[in-house]
Amino acid sequence: MIRKIYTEEAKKEYVRNYLLSDLSQKDFVEQHGISKSAIYNWLKLYREEIAKELGLSAVDIAKTINQDQSKLTSEQKFQVVVETNELDELAKGEYCRKNDLTGSEISRWKDNCMNANKESSLNEHQELLRLRKKVAELTEAVKKHQSENKKLNAHIKALNKDIDRHKTALAEYAVKEIFIKKAEALLEKE
């Protein structure tokens, strides 16, 4: 099988035709004699550019690669929120019917967008509390180690005093032994 090479403009034209058609990807590729993987890859590359050029919504863009609304990306959901924000209820209802969405989905997505920074702030606050708790635990551990260190230093000081006392006693004993031996030696000579 000979592999066809398409120009960038030809690829964009296929994407444009697909977006304007009501055909599934399968039907479109069969009708135009191109591979399913080719149209899939071209859609990934050019769909947003062509969809903007054609004035299509984020939902229309998502449908181009057989996604359903539950699989819309965060950016696409945000785009839906932006597109519907200024619409009145009647127009919003029409948008929902056209794009197979519900008003409650869009409201939930809008709330998520509005609260995105609050969640971030909440997470940052929780992280700050966790770090403060960790600092308090480490401070307590340092105080405990300092207390143990003071006790050990006092014990070492007492042991050193005891060693000095033993050294002094040993030195005195050695001096006495030397005097005794000298005295014995002198007595033996006499």
N, C-alpha and C. Protein backbone atom coordinates (compact mmCIF):
# COMPACT_ATOMS: atom_id res chain seq x y z
N MET A 1 0.85 -1.19 0.00
CA MET A 1 0.00 0.00 0.00
C MET A 1 0.89 1.24 0.00
N ILE A 2 0.55 2.15 -0.86
CA ILE A 2 1.32 3.40 -0.98
C ILE A 2 0.79 4.40 0.03
N ARG A 3 1.72 4.98 0.75
CA ARG A 3 1.35 5.97 1.77
C ARG A 3 1.25 7.33 1.12
N LYS A 4 0.12 7.99 1.35
CA LYS A 4 -0.09 9.32 0.78
C LYS A 4 0.52 10.37 1.70
N ILE A 5 1.06 11.40 1.10
CA ILE A 5 1.61 12.52 1.88
C ILE A 5 0.73 13.73 1.62
N TYR A 6 0.26 14.33 2.71
CA TYR A 6 -0.66 15.47 2.61
C TYR A 6 0.05 16.75 3.04
N THR A 7 -0.25 17.83 2.37
CA THR A 7 0.29 19.13 2.79
C THR A 7 -0.45 19.58 4.04
N GLU A 8 0.14 20.53 4.71
CA GLU A 8 -0.49 21.05 5.92
C GLU A 8 -1.86 21.65 5.59
N GLU A 9 -1.95 22.35 4.47
CA GLU A 9 -3.22 22.96 4.08
C GLU A 9 -4.27 21.88 3.78
N ALA A 10 -3.85 20.78 3.16
CA ALA A 10 -4.78 19.68 2.88
C ALA A 10 -5.29 19.07 4.19
N LYS A 11 -4.38 18.90 5.13
CA LYS A 11 -4.78 18.35 6.44
C LYS A 11 -5.79 19.27 7.12
N LYS A 12 -5.51 20.56 7.09
CA LYS A 12 -6.44 21.53 7.69
C LYS A 12 -7.79 21.51 6.98
N GLU A 13 -7.77 21.31 5.67
CA GLU A 13 -9.03 21.27 4.91
C GLU A 13 -9.85 20.04 5.32
N TYR A 14 -9.19 18.90 5.52
CA TYR A 14 -9.90 17.71 6.00
C TYR A 14 -10.51 17.98 7.39
N VAL A 15 -9.73 18.60 8.27
CA VAL A 15 -10.23 18.93 9.61
C VAL A 15 -11.42 19.87 9.50
N ARG A 16 -11.31 20.89 8.68
CA ARG A 16 -12.39 21.85 8.47
C ARG A 16 -13.65 21.12 7.97
N ASN A 17 -13.50 20.26 6.97
CA ASN A 17 -14.64 19.52 6.42
C ASN A 17 -15.25 18.59 7.46
N TYR A 18 -14.40 17.95 8.25
CA TYR A 18 -14.91 17.05 9.29
C TYR A 18 -15.71 17.83 10.33
N LEU A 19 -15.17 18.96 10.76
CA LEU A 19 -15.86 19.76 11.78
C LEU A 19 -17.20 20.28 11.28
N LEU A 20 -17.29 20.56 10.00
CA LEU A 20 -18.53 21.07 9.44
C LEU A 20 -19.52 19.95 9.10
N SER A 21 -19.04 18.71 9.07
CA SER A 21 -19.94 17.60 8.73
C SER A 21 -20.61 17.08 10.00
N ASP A 22 -21.65 16.29 9.81
CA ASP A 22 -22.31 15.63 10.94
C ASP A 22 -21.92 14.16 10.98
N LEU A 23 -20.86 13.81 10.28
CA LEU A 23 -20.44 12.42 10.18
C LEU A 23 -19.59 12.02 11.38
N SER A 24 -19.65 10.71 11.70
CA SER A 24 -18.73 10.18 12.70
C SER A 24 -17.36 10.09 12.06
N GLN A 25 -16.33 9.91 12.87
CA GLN A 25 -14.98 9.77 12.32
C GLN A 25 -14.92 8.59 11.36
N LYS A 26 -15.55 7.48 11.76
CA LYS A 26 -15.54 6.27 10.94
C LYS A 26 -16.14 6.55 9.56
N ASP A 27 -17.33 7.16 9.55
CA ASP A 27 -17.99 7.46 8.27
C ASP A 27 -17.18 8.46 7.45
N PHE A 28 -16.62 9.45 8.13
CA PHE A 28 -15.86 10.49 7.42
C PHE A 28 -14.64 9.88 6.72
N VAL A 29 -13.88 9.05 7.45
CA VAL A 29 -12.66 8.49 6.85
C VAL A 29 -13.00 7.53 5.71
N GLU A 30 -14.10 6.79 5.86
CA GLU A 30 -14.51 5.89 4.78
C GLU A 30 -14.91 6.69 3.55
N GLN A 31 -15.63 7.78 3.76
CA GLN A 31 -16.10 8.60 2.65
C GLN A 31 -14.95 9.29 1.93
N HIS A 32 -13.93 9.69 2.68
CA HIS A 32 -12.83 10.46 2.08
C HIS A 32 -11.59 9.62 1.78
N GLY A 33 -11.60 8.35 2.15
CA GLY A 33 -10.48 7.47 1.84
C GLY A 33 -9.21 7.80 2.58
N ILE A 34 -9.33 8.25 3.81
CA ILE A 34 -8.15 8.51 4.64
C ILE A 34 -8.20 7.58 5.85
N SER A 35 -7.08 7.43 6.52
CA SER A 35 -7.07 6.53 7.67
C SER A 35 -7.64 7.22 8.91
N LYS A 36 -8.17 6.39 9.79
CA LYS A 36 -8.75 6.92 11.02
C LYS A 36 -7.67 7.59 11.89
N SER A 37 -6.49 6.98 11.91
CA SER A 37 -5.40 7.56 12.72
C SER A 37 -4.96 8.90 12.15
N ALA A 38 -5.02 9.03 10.83
CA ALA A 38 -4.62 10.31 10.22
C ALA A 38 -5.55 11.43 10.66
N ILE A 39 -6.87 11.21 10.53
CA ILE A 39 -7.81 12.27 10.91
C ILE A 39 -7.72 12.54 12.41
N TYR A 40 -7.51 11.50 13.20
CA TYR A 40 -7.38 11.67 14.65
C TYR A 40 -6.18 12.58 14.96
N ASN A 41 -5.04 12.28 14.35
CA ASN A 41 -3.83 13.09 14.59
C ASN A 41 -4.00 14.52 14.08
N TRP A 42 -4.62 14.67 12.92
CA TRP A 42 -4.83 16.01 12.37
C TRP A 42 -5.77 16.81 13.25
N LEU A 43 -6.77 16.14 13.80
CA LEU A 43 -7.70 16.83 14.71
C LEU A 43 -6.96 17.32 15.95
N LYS A 44 -6.09 16.48 16.47
CA LYS A 44 -5.32 16.89 17.65
C LYS A 44 -4.46 18.10 17.34
N LEU A 45 -3.90 18.13 16.13
CA LEU A 45 -3.01 19.23 15.75
C LEU A 45 -3.75 20.53 15.44
N TYR A 46 -4.86 20.43 14.71
CA TYR A 46 -5.46 21.63 14.12
C TYR A 46 -6.88 21.96 14.59
N ARG A 47 -7.50 21.10 15.39
CA ARG A 47 -8.93 21.31 15.69
C ARG A 47 -9.21 22.64 16.37
N GLU A 48 -8.40 23.02 17.35
CA GLU A 48 -8.69 24.27 18.05
C GLU A 48 -8.54 25.47 17.12
N GLU A 49 -7.51 25.47 16.31
CA GLU A 49 -7.29 26.56 15.36
C GLU A 49 -8.45 26.66 14.37
N ILE A 50 -8.83 25.53 13.79
CA ILE A 50 -9.91 25.51 12.79
C ILE A 50 -11.25 25.79 13.46
N ALA A 51 -11.46 25.25 14.66
CA ALA A 51 -12.73 25.47 15.36
C ALA A 51 -12.91 26.95 15.67
N LYS A 52 -11.85 27.63 16.07
CA LYS A 52 -11.93 29.07 16.33
C LYS A 52 -12.23 29.82 15.04
N GLU A 53 -11.58 29.39 13.98
CA GLU A 53 -11.80 30.01 12.68
C GLU A 53 -13.26 29.86 12.25
N LEU A 54 -13.86 28.70 12.60
CA LEU A 54 -15.25 28.43 12.23
C LEU A 54 -16.25 28.91 13.28
N GLY A 55 -15.74 29.39 14.42
CA GLY A 55 -16.62 29.89 15.48
C GLY A 55 -17.33 28.78 16.24
N LEU A 56 -16.69 27.62 16.38
CA LEU A 56 -17.29 26.50 17.10
C LEU A 56 -17.00 26.61 18.59
N SER A 57 -17.88 26.00 19.39
CA SER A 57 -17.74 26.07 20.85
C SER A 57 -16.75 25.01 21.34
N ALA A 58 -16.42 25.10 22.62
CA ALA A 58 -15.51 24.13 23.23
C ALA A 58 -16.11 22.73 23.19
N VAL A 59 -17.40 22.64 23.33
CA VAL A 59 -18.06 21.33 23.28
C VAL A 59 -17.93 20.74 21.89
N ASP A 60 -18.13 21.57 20.85
CA ASP A 60 -17.97 21.09 19.48
C ASP A 60 -16.55 20.59 19.25
N ILE A 61 -15.59 21.31 19.82
CA ILE A 61 -14.18 20.91 19.68
C ILE A 61 -13.97 19.55 20.34
N ALA A 62 -14.53 19.38 21.53
CA ALA A 62 -14.36 18.13 22.26
C ALA A 62 -14.98 16.96 21.51
N LYS A 63 -16.12 17.18 20.89
CA LYS A 63 -16.80 16.11 20.16
C LYS A 63 -16.01 15.66 18.95
N THR A 64 -15.08 16.46 18.49
CA THR A 64 -14.35 16.12 17.27
C THR A 64 -13.44 14.92 17.44
N ILE A 65 -13.10 14.57 18.64
CA ILE A 65 -12.30 13.35 18.83
C ILE A 65 -13.07 12.34 19.66
N ASN A 66 -14.39 12.34 19.47
CA ASN A 66 -15.28 11.38 20.10
C ASN A 66 -15.21 11.41 21.62
N GLN A 67 -15.07 12.58 22.19
CA GLN A 67 -15.13 12.71 23.64
C GLN A 67 -16.57 12.99 24.01
N ASP A 68 -16.97 12.54 25.19
CA ASP A 68 -18.27 12.99 25.68
C ASP A 68 -18.03 14.09 26.70
N GLN A 69 -19.13 14.74 27.16
CA GLN A 69 -18.97 15.92 28.01
C GLN A 69 -18.31 15.59 29.35
N SER A 70 -18.46 14.36 29.83
CA SER A 70 -17.83 14.02 31.10
C SER A 70 -16.31 13.95 30.96
N LYS A 71 -15.82 13.90 29.72
CA LYS A 71 -14.39 13.82 29.49
C LYS A 71 -13.82 15.13 28.94
N LEU A 72 -14.56 16.20 29.07
CA LEU A 72 -14.02 17.48 28.64
C LEU A 72 -12.84 17.83 29.52
N THR A 73 -11.85 18.45 28.93
CA THR A 73 -10.70 18.88 29.72
C THR A 73 -11.10 20.09 30.56
N SER A 74 -10.28 20.42 31.52
CA SER A 74 -10.54 21.59 32.36
C SER A 74 -10.62 22.85 31.51
N GLU A 75 -9.74 22.96 30.53
CA GLU A 75 -9.74 24.14 29.66
C GLU A 75 -11.03 24.23 28.87
N GLN A 76 -11.51 23.07 28.38
CA GLN A 76 -12.76 23.06 27.61
C GLN A 76 -13.95 23.42 28.49
N LYS A 77 -13.97 22.89 29.71
CA LYS A 77 -15.05 23.24 30.63
C LYS A 77 -15.03 24.74 30.93
N PHE A 78 -13.82 25.27 31.14
CA PHE A 78 -13.69 26.70 31.38
C PHE A 78 -14.20 27.49 30.19
N GLN A 79 -13.85 27.02 28.98
CA GLN A 79 -14.31 27.70 27.77
C GLN A 79 -15.84 27.69 27.69
N VAL A 80 -16.49 26.57 28.06
CA VAL A 80 -17.96 26.50 28.08
C VAL A 80 -18.50 27.53 29.07
N VAL A 81 -17.88 27.62 30.25
CA VAL A 81 -18.32 28.58 31.26
C VAL A 81 -18.21 30.00 30.71
N VAL A 82 -17.09 30.31 30.05
CA VAL A 82 -16.90 31.64 29.47
C VAL A 82 -17.95 31.91 28.39
N GLU A 83 -18.17 30.91 27.53
CA GLU A 83 -19.12 31.09 26.42
C GLU A 83 -20.55 31.30 26.92
N THR A 84 -20.90 30.67 28.04
CA THR A 84 -22.29 30.75 28.53
C THR A 84 -22.49 31.80 29.61
N ASN A 85 -21.43 32.41 30.07
CA ASN A 85 -21.53 33.33 31.21
C ASN A 85 -22.47 34.50 30.95
N GLU A 86 -22.41 35.09 29.78
CA GLU A 86 -23.21 36.27 29.47
C GLU A 86 -24.58 35.94 28.86
N LEU A 87 -24.86 34.64 28.65
CA LEU A 87 -26.13 34.25 28.03
C LEU A 87 -27.27 34.33 29.03
N ASP A 88 -28.47 34.72 28.55
CA ASP A 88 -29.64 34.68 29.42
C ASP A 88 -30.10 33.22 29.51
N GLU A 89 -31.08 32.94 30.35
CA GLU A 89 -31.52 31.57 30.59
C GLU A 89 -32.00 30.88 29.31
N LEU A 90 -32.72 31.60 28.47
CA LEU A 90 -33.25 31.03 27.23
C LEU A 90 -32.09 30.63 26.30
N ALA A 91 -31.16 31.53 26.12
CA ALA A 91 -30.00 31.25 25.25
C ALA A 91 -29.13 30.15 25.85
N LYS A 92 -28.99 30.15 27.17
CA LYS A 92 -28.20 29.12 27.83
C LYS A 92 -28.86 27.75 27.63
N GLY A 93 -30.20 27.71 27.73
CA GLY A 93 -30.93 26.46 27.51
C GLY A 93 -30.72 25.94 26.09
N GLU A 94 -30.76 26.85 25.13
CA GLU A 94 -30.54 26.47 23.72
C GLU A 94 -29.11 25.95 23.54
N TYR A 95 -28.15 26.62 24.16
CA TYR A 95 -26.74 26.18 24.09
C TYR A 95 -26.61 24.77 24.66
N CYS A 96 -27.27 24.54 25.81
CA CYS A 96 -27.20 23.23 26.45
C CYS A 96 -27.79 22.15 25.55
N ARG A 97 -28.96 22.42 24.96
CA ARG A 97 -29.58 21.43 24.08
C ARG A 97 -28.71 21.16 22.87
N LYS A 98 -28.16 22.21 22.28
CA LYS A 98 -27.33 22.07 21.09
C LYS A 98 -26.08 21.24 21.38
N ASN A 99 -25.53 21.41 22.57
CA ASN A 99 -24.27 20.76 22.93
C ASN A 99 -24.42 19.57 23.86
N ASP A 100 -25.69 19.13 24.06
CA ASP A 100 -25.96 17.97 24.90
C ASP A 100 -25.36 18.13 26.30
N LEU A 101 -25.61 19.28 26.89
CA LEU A 101 -25.16 19.58 28.25
C LEU A 101 -26.37 19.89 29.11
N THR A 102 -26.14 19.98 30.40
CA THR A 102 -27.21 20.44 31.30
C THR A 102 -26.76 21.73 31.97
N GLY A 103 -27.72 22.52 32.36
CA GLY A 103 -27.41 23.77 33.06
C GLY A 103 -26.69 23.51 34.37
N SER A 104 -27.07 22.40 35.04
CA SER A 104 -26.42 22.10 36.32
C SER A 104 -24.94 21.75 36.13
N GLU A 105 -24.59 21.09 35.00
CA GLU A 105 -23.18 20.81 34.72
C GLU A 105 -22.40 22.11 34.57
N ILE A 106 -22.98 23.00 33.78
CA ILE A 106 -22.29 24.28 33.56
C ILE A 106 -22.17 25.06 34.86
N SER A 107 -23.24 25.05 35.68
CA SER A 107 -23.18 25.73 36.99
C SER A 107 -22.11 25.14 37.87
N ARG A 108 -22.03 23.80 37.88
CA ARG A 108 -21.02 23.13 38.70
C ARG A 108 -19.62 23.51 38.21
N TRP A 109 -19.44 23.54 36.87
CA TRP A 109 -18.13 23.90 36.32
C TRP A 109 -17.79 25.34 36.67
N LYS A 110 -18.78 26.21 36.63
CA LYS A 110 -18.56 27.62 36.97
C LYS A 110 -18.14 27.73 38.44
N ASP A 111 -18.85 27.01 39.33
CA ASP A 111 -18.49 27.02 40.75
C ASP A 111 -17.06 26.51 40.95
N ASN A 112 -16.71 25.46 40.22
CA ASN A 112 -15.35 24.91 40.33
C ASN A 112 -14.32 25.95 39.89
N CYS A 113 -14.65 26.67 38.81
CA CYS A 113 -13.73 27.73 38.34
C CYS A 113 -13.60 28.83 39.40
N MET A 114 -14.73 29.23 39.96
CA MET A 114 -14.74 30.31 40.94
C MET A 114 -14.00 29.91 42.22
N ASN A 115 -14.08 28.63 42.59
CA ASN A 115 -13.48 28.17 43.84
C ASN A 115 -12.09 27.60 43.67
N ALA A 116 -11.57 27.62 42.45
CA ALA A 116 -10.25 27.02 42.20
C ALA A 116 -9.19 27.65 43.08
N ASN A 117 -9.18 28.97 43.19
CA ASN A 117 -8.18 29.64 44.02
C ASN A 117 -8.44 29.43 45.49
N LYS A 118 -9.72 29.30 45.87
CA LYS A 118 -10.03 29.05 47.28
C LYS A 118 -9.47 27.71 47.71
N GLU A 119 -9.63 26.67 46.84
CA GLU A 119 -9.08 25.37 47.16
C GLU A 119 -7.57 25.46 47.28
N SER A 120 -6.97 26.21 46.39
CA SER A 120 -5.52 26.38 46.44
C SER A 120 -5.12 27.06 47.75
N SER A 121 -5.88 28.11 48.12
CA SER A 121 -5.59 28.81 49.37
C SER A 121 -5.81 27.89 50.56
N LEU A 122 -6.87 27.07 50.50
CA LEU A 122 -7.15 26.14 51.57
C LEU A 122 -6.02 25.12 51.68
N ASN A 123 -5.56 24.61 50.55
CA ASN A 123 -4.46 23.65 50.55
C ASN A 123 -3.19 24.30 51.10
N GLU A 124 -2.94 25.54 50.71
CA GLU A 124 -1.77 26.25 51.22
C GLU A 124 -1.88 26.47 52.72
N HIS A 125 -3.10 26.81 53.19
CA HIS A 125 -3.32 27.01 54.62
C HIS A 125 -3.11 25.70 55.38
N GLN A 126 -3.64 24.59 54.83
CA GLN A 126 -3.45 23.29 55.48
C GLN A 126 -1.98 22.92 55.52
N GLU A 127 -1.26 23.20 54.44
CA GLU A 127 0.16 22.91 54.39
C GLU A 127 0.92 23.76 55.42
N LEU A 128 0.52 25.03 55.56
CA LEU A 128 1.13 25.91 56.54
C LEU A 128 0.89 25.37 57.96
N LEU A 129 -0.34 24.93 58.25
CA LEU A 129 -0.64 24.36 59.56
C LEU A 129 0.18 23.09 59.81
N ARG A 130 0.31 22.26 58.78
CA ARG A 130 1.09 21.04 58.91
C ARG A 130 2.56 21.38 59.21
N LEU A 131 3.08 22.39 58.51
CA LEU A 131 4.47 22.78 58.72
C LEU A 131 4.67 23.39 60.11
N ARG A 132 3.71 24.18 60.56
CA ARG A 132 3.81 24.75 61.91
C ARG A 132 3.80 23.65 62.97
N LYS A 133 2.95 22.64 62.77
CA LYS A 133 2.89 21.51 63.70
C LYS A 133 4.23 20.78 63.71
N LYS A 134 4.81 20.59 62.52
CA LYS A 134 6.10 19.92 62.41
C LYS A 134 7.19 20.73 63.11
N VAL A 135 7.16 22.06 62.94
CA VAL A 135 8.13 22.92 63.61
C VAL A 135 7.99 22.80 65.13
N ALA A 136 6.75 22.78 65.62
CA ALA A 136 6.51 22.65 67.06
C ALA A 136 7.05 21.31 67.57
N GLU A 137 6.82 20.24 66.79
CA GLU A 137 7.32 18.91 67.19
C GLU A 137 8.85 18.91 67.23
N LEU A 138 9.46 19.51 66.20
CA LEU A 138 10.92 19.56 66.16
C LEU A 138 11.49 20.41 67.28
N THR A 139 10.82 21.52 67.60
CA THR A 139 11.25 22.39 68.70
C THR A 139 11.19 21.62 70.01
N GLU A 140 10.11 20.87 70.18
CA GLU A 140 9.96 20.07 71.40
C GLU A 140 11.06 19.01 71.47
N ALA A 141 11.37 18.38 70.35
CA ALA A 141 12.42 17.37 70.31
C ALA A 141 13.78 18.00 70.64
N VAL A 142 14.02 19.20 70.11
CA VAL A 142 15.29 19.91 70.40
C VAL A 142 15.38 20.21 71.89
N LYS A 143 14.28 20.70 72.50
CA LYS A 143 14.29 20.99 73.95
C LYS A 143 14.56 19.72 74.75
N LYS A 144 13.94 18.61 74.33
CA LYS A 144 14.14 17.34 75.03
C LYS A 144 15.61 16.92 74.94
N HIS A 145 16.19 17.05 73.73
CA HIS A 145 17.59 16.68 73.55
C HIS A 145 18.51 17.62 74.33
N GLN A 146 18.17 18.90 74.37
CA GLN A 146 18.98 19.84 75.16
C GLN A 146 18.94 19.47 76.64
N SER A 147 17.75 19.09 77.13
CA SER A 147 17.61 18.69 78.54
C SER A 147 18.45 17.43 78.81
N GLU A 148 18.35 16.46 77.90
CA GLU A 148 19.14 15.23 78.05
C GLU A 148 20.63 15.56 77.97
N ASN A 149 20.99 16.49 77.09
CA ASN A 149 22.37 16.90 76.93
C ASN A 149 22.90 17.54 78.22
N LYS A 150 22.08 18.38 78.85
CA LYS A 150 22.48 19.01 80.12
C LYS A 150 22.73 17.94 81.18
N LYS A 151 21.82 16.94 81.26
CA LYS A 151 21.98 15.86 82.23
C LYS A 151 23.26 15.08 81.97
N LEU A 152 23.51 14.78 80.68
CA LEU A 152 24.72 14.04 80.33
C LEU A 152 25.97 14.86 80.64
N ASN A 153 25.93 16.17 80.34
CA ASN A 153 27.07 17.03 80.68
C ASN A 153 27.33 17.08 82.18
N ALA A 154 26.26 17.14 82.97
CA ALA A 154 26.41 17.13 84.44
C ALA A 154 27.01 15.81 84.90
N HIS A 155 26.55 14.71 84.30
CA HIS A 155 27.07 13.39 84.66
C HIS A 155 28.55 13.28 84.28
N ILE A 156 28.90 13.78 83.09
CA ILE A 156 30.29 13.77 82.64
C ILE A 156 31.16 14.61 83.57
N LYS A 157 30.62 15.76 83.98
CA LYS A 157 31.36 16.63 84.90
C LYS A 157 31.61 15.91 86.24
N ALA A 158 30.57 15.21 86.72
CA ALA A 158 30.72 14.47 87.98
C ALA A 158 31.74 13.34 87.82
N LEU A 159 31.70 12.64 86.69
CA LEU A 159 32.67 11.57 86.44
C LEU A 159 34.09 12.13 86.34
N ASN A 160 34.22 13.28 85.67
CA ASN A 160 35.54 13.91 85.58
C ASN A 160 36.07 14.30 86.96
N LYS A 161 35.18 14.81 87.83
CA LYS A 161 35.58 15.15 89.20
C LYS A 161 36.03 13.89 89.94
N ASP A 162 35.28 12.81 89.74
CA ASP A 162 35.60 11.54 90.38
C ASP A 162 36.95 11.03 89.89
N ILE A 163 37.18 11.16 88.56
CA ILE A 163 38.46 10.74 87.99
C ILE A 163 39.59 11.58 88.58
N ASP A 164 39.40 12.90 88.68
CA ASP A 164 40.42 13.77 89.26
C ASP A 164 40.70 13.39 90.72
N ARG A 165 39.64 13.07 91.44
CA ARG A 165 39.80 12.67 92.85
C ARG A 165 40.61 11.37 92.93
N HIS A 166 40.28 10.43 92.03
CA HIS A 166 41.01 9.15 92.02
C HIS A 166 42.47 9.37 91.61
N LYS A 167 42.71 10.25 90.65
CA LYS A 167 44.08 10.56 90.24
C LYS A 167 44.88 11.13 91.42
N THR A 168 44.23 12.08 92.11
CA THR A 168 44.89 12.70 93.26
C THR A 168 45.20 11.64 94.33
N ALA A 169 44.21 10.77 94.61
CA ALA A 169 44.40 9.71 95.62
C ALA A 169 45.51 8.76 95.17
N LEU A 170 45.52 8.43 93.89
CA LEU A 170 46.53 7.52 93.36
C LEU A 170 47.92 8.17 93.45
N ALA A 171 47.99 9.45 93.13
CA ALA A 171 49.27 10.16 93.20
C ALA A 171 49.76 10.19 94.65
N GLU A 172 48.84 10.47 95.58
CA GLU A 172 49.23 10.49 97.00
C GLU A 172 49.69 9.11 97.44
N TYR A 173 49.00 8.09 96.99
CA TYR A 173 49.37 6.72 97.34
C TYR A 173 50.74 6.38 96.77
N ALA A 174 50.98 6.81 95.52
CA ALA A 174 52.27 6.53 94.90
C ALA A 174 53.39 7.23 95.67
N VAL A 175 53.15 8.47 96.11
CA VAL A 175 54.16 9.21 96.88
C VAL A 175 54.43 8.49 98.21
N LYS A 176 53.35 8.04 98.86
CA LYS A 176 53.52 7.33 100.13
C LYS A 176 54.31 6.04 99.93
N GLU A 177 54.01 5.30 98.85
CA GLU A 177 54.73 4.06 98.56
C GLU A 177 56.23 4.34 98.35
N ILE A 178 56.49 5.44 97.62
CA ILE A 178 57.88 5.79 97.36
C ILE A 178 58.58 6.11 98.68
N PHE A 179 57.93 6.88 99.55
CA PHE A 179 58.52 7.22 100.86
C PHE A 179 58.72 5.97 101.70
N ILE A 180 57.74 5.08 101.63
CA ILE A 180 57.86 3.84 102.44
C ILE A 180 59.05 3.03 101.93
N LYS A 181 59.19 2.87 100.61
CA LYS A 181 60.28 2.09 100.05
C LYS A 181 61.63 2.74 100.36
N LYS A 182 61.69 4.06 100.31
CA LYS A 182 62.95 4.75 100.63
C LYS A 182 63.27 4.57 102.11
N ALA A 183 62.21 4.65 102.93
CA ALA A 183 62.43 4.48 104.37
C ALA A 183 62.90 3.07 104.67
N GLU A 184 62.32 2.07 104.03
CA GLU A 184 62.72 0.68 104.23
C GLU A 184 64.16 0.47 103.75
N ALA A 185 64.47 1.10 102.62
CA ALA A 185 65.81 0.96 102.07
C ALA A 185 66.83 1.58 103.04
N LEU A 186 66.51 2.70 103.66
CA LEU A 186 67.41 3.35 104.60
C LEU A 186 67.55 2.52 105.87
N LEU A 187 66.47 1.96 106.29
CA LEU A 187 66.51 1.12 107.50
C LEU A 187 67.31 -0.15 107.28
N GLU A 188 67.25 -0.68 106.13
CA GLU A 188 67.99 -1.91 105.83
C GLU A 188 69.51 -1.63 105.80
N LYS A 189 69.87 -0.45 105.36
CA LYS A 189 71.27 -0.09 105.30
C LYS A 189 71.82 0.08 106.70
N GLU A 190 71.00 0.45 107.58
CA GLU A 190 71.49 0.71 108.93
C GLU A 190 71.50 -0.53 109.69
